[in-house]
Protein backbone atom coordinates (compact mmCIF):
# COMPACT_ATOMS: atom_id res chain seq x y z
CA MET A 1 -157.88 -59.29 -109.65
CA GLN A 2 -159.37 -62.78 -109.11
CA VAL A 3 -158.94 -64.78 -105.88
CA ASN A 4 -159.48 -68.57 -105.89
CA ILE A 5 -160.37 -70.08 -102.53
CA VAL A 6 -159.65 -73.72 -101.98
CA SER A 7 -160.10 -76.04 -99.17
CA VAL A 8 -157.23 -77.81 -97.28
CA GLU A 9 -158.93 -81.22 -98.26
CA SER A 10 -158.77 -80.37 -101.92
CA VAL A 11 -155.12 -79.52 -101.71
CA GLU A 12 -154.34 -82.76 -99.84
CA GLU A 13 -156.33 -84.80 -102.26
CA GLU A 14 -154.36 -83.23 -105.19
CA ALA A 15 -151.03 -83.71 -103.46
CA ALA A 16 -151.93 -87.42 -102.81
CA THR A 17 -152.78 -87.92 -106.50
CA ILE A 18 -149.42 -86.35 -107.44
CA LYS A 19 -147.68 -88.60 -105.02
CA ALA A 20 -149.50 -91.69 -106.17
CA VAL A 21 -148.22 -91.00 -109.72
CA GLU A 22 -144.65 -90.21 -108.70
CA ILE A 23 -143.34 -92.86 -106.30
CA THR A 24 -139.72 -92.67 -107.74
CA LYS A 25 -137.75 -89.84 -108.89
CA GLU A 26 -134.18 -89.67 -110.14
CA ILE A 27 -132.47 -86.95 -108.19
CA PHE A 28 -128.97 -87.41 -109.41
CA LYS A 29 -127.51 -89.84 -111.94
CA ASN A 30 -128.18 -93.36 -110.63
CA ILE A 31 -129.63 -92.02 -107.34
CA TYR A 32 -133.36 -92.27 -106.85
CA ARG A 33 -135.85 -91.20 -104.19
CA ILE A 34 -138.76 -93.53 -103.40
CA ALA A 35 -141.60 -91.85 -101.54
CA VAL A 36 -142.82 -94.17 -98.84
CA PRO A 37 -146.14 -93.10 -97.18
CA LEU A 38 -146.62 -93.09 -93.46
CA LYS A 39 -150.17 -93.38 -92.83
CA GLY A 40 -151.27 -92.05 -89.44
CA ASN A 41 -147.90 -90.41 -88.88
CA PRO A 42 -147.56 -86.63 -88.82
CA LEU A 43 -144.55 -86.95 -91.11
CA LYS A 44 -146.92 -88.17 -94.01
CA GLU A 45 -144.03 -89.87 -95.85
CA LEU A 46 -140.43 -90.61 -95.75
CA ASN A 47 -137.81 -90.73 -98.43
CA SER A 48 -135.95 -93.86 -99.19
CA TYR A 49 -133.03 -93.70 -101.48
CA PHE A 50 -131.93 -96.31 -104.08
CA ILE A 51 -128.42 -95.94 -105.38
CA ARG A 52 -127.65 -98.02 -108.52
CA GLY A 53 -124.05 -99.23 -108.54
CA ASP A 54 -121.98 -101.00 -111.29
CA GLU A 55 -121.85 -104.31 -109.29
CA ASN A 56 -124.19 -103.82 -106.43
CA ASP A 57 -127.05 -101.49 -105.57
CA LEU A 58 -127.78 -99.82 -102.14
CA LEU A 59 -131.15 -99.02 -100.50
CA ILE A 60 -131.09 -96.55 -97.74
CA ASP A 61 -133.95 -96.19 -95.21
CA THR A 62 -136.59 -98.78 -95.88
CA GLY A 63 -139.37 -97.20 -93.72
CA PHE A 64 -141.41 -98.43 -90.82
CA ARG A 65 -142.47 -102.07 -90.43
CA MET A 66 -145.97 -101.46 -91.81
CA PRO A 67 -147.51 -103.23 -94.86
CA GLU A 68 -148.08 -99.88 -96.59
CA CYS A 69 -144.43 -99.09 -96.48
CA GLU A 70 -143.40 -102.50 -97.69
CA GLU A 71 -145.93 -102.18 -100.64
CA ALA A 72 -144.70 -98.72 -101.60
CA LEU A 73 -141.00 -99.81 -101.37
CA LYS A 74 -141.69 -102.87 -103.52
CA GLU A 75 -143.55 -100.84 -106.10
CA GLY A 76 -140.79 -98.23 -106.29
CA LEU A 77 -138.16 -100.82 -106.62
CA ALA A 78 -140.23 -102.53 -109.35
CA GLU A 79 -140.45 -99.23 -111.25
CA LEU A 80 -136.61 -99.06 -111.00
CA GLY A 81 -136.22 -102.55 -112.39
CA SER A 82 -134.65 -103.96 -109.19
CA ASP A 83 -135.82 -106.86 -107.17
């Protein structure tokens, strides 16, 4: 049996790479999760939700008042084709 030992740092780096690629994810039809990073916070990130409606869209939980949160949210909304 082979055992692979990895450092916590390498796992965190890999997770950050995966998260950087997947900012938005459709979790149900017309309901999307937008990952918003929380640098310096033990939570690491929060989930904002974007619900696409027939006439209006709804954004739930926009994150903290930090430039990083705003940038991630705008990037996620752009990926979804929303302004």
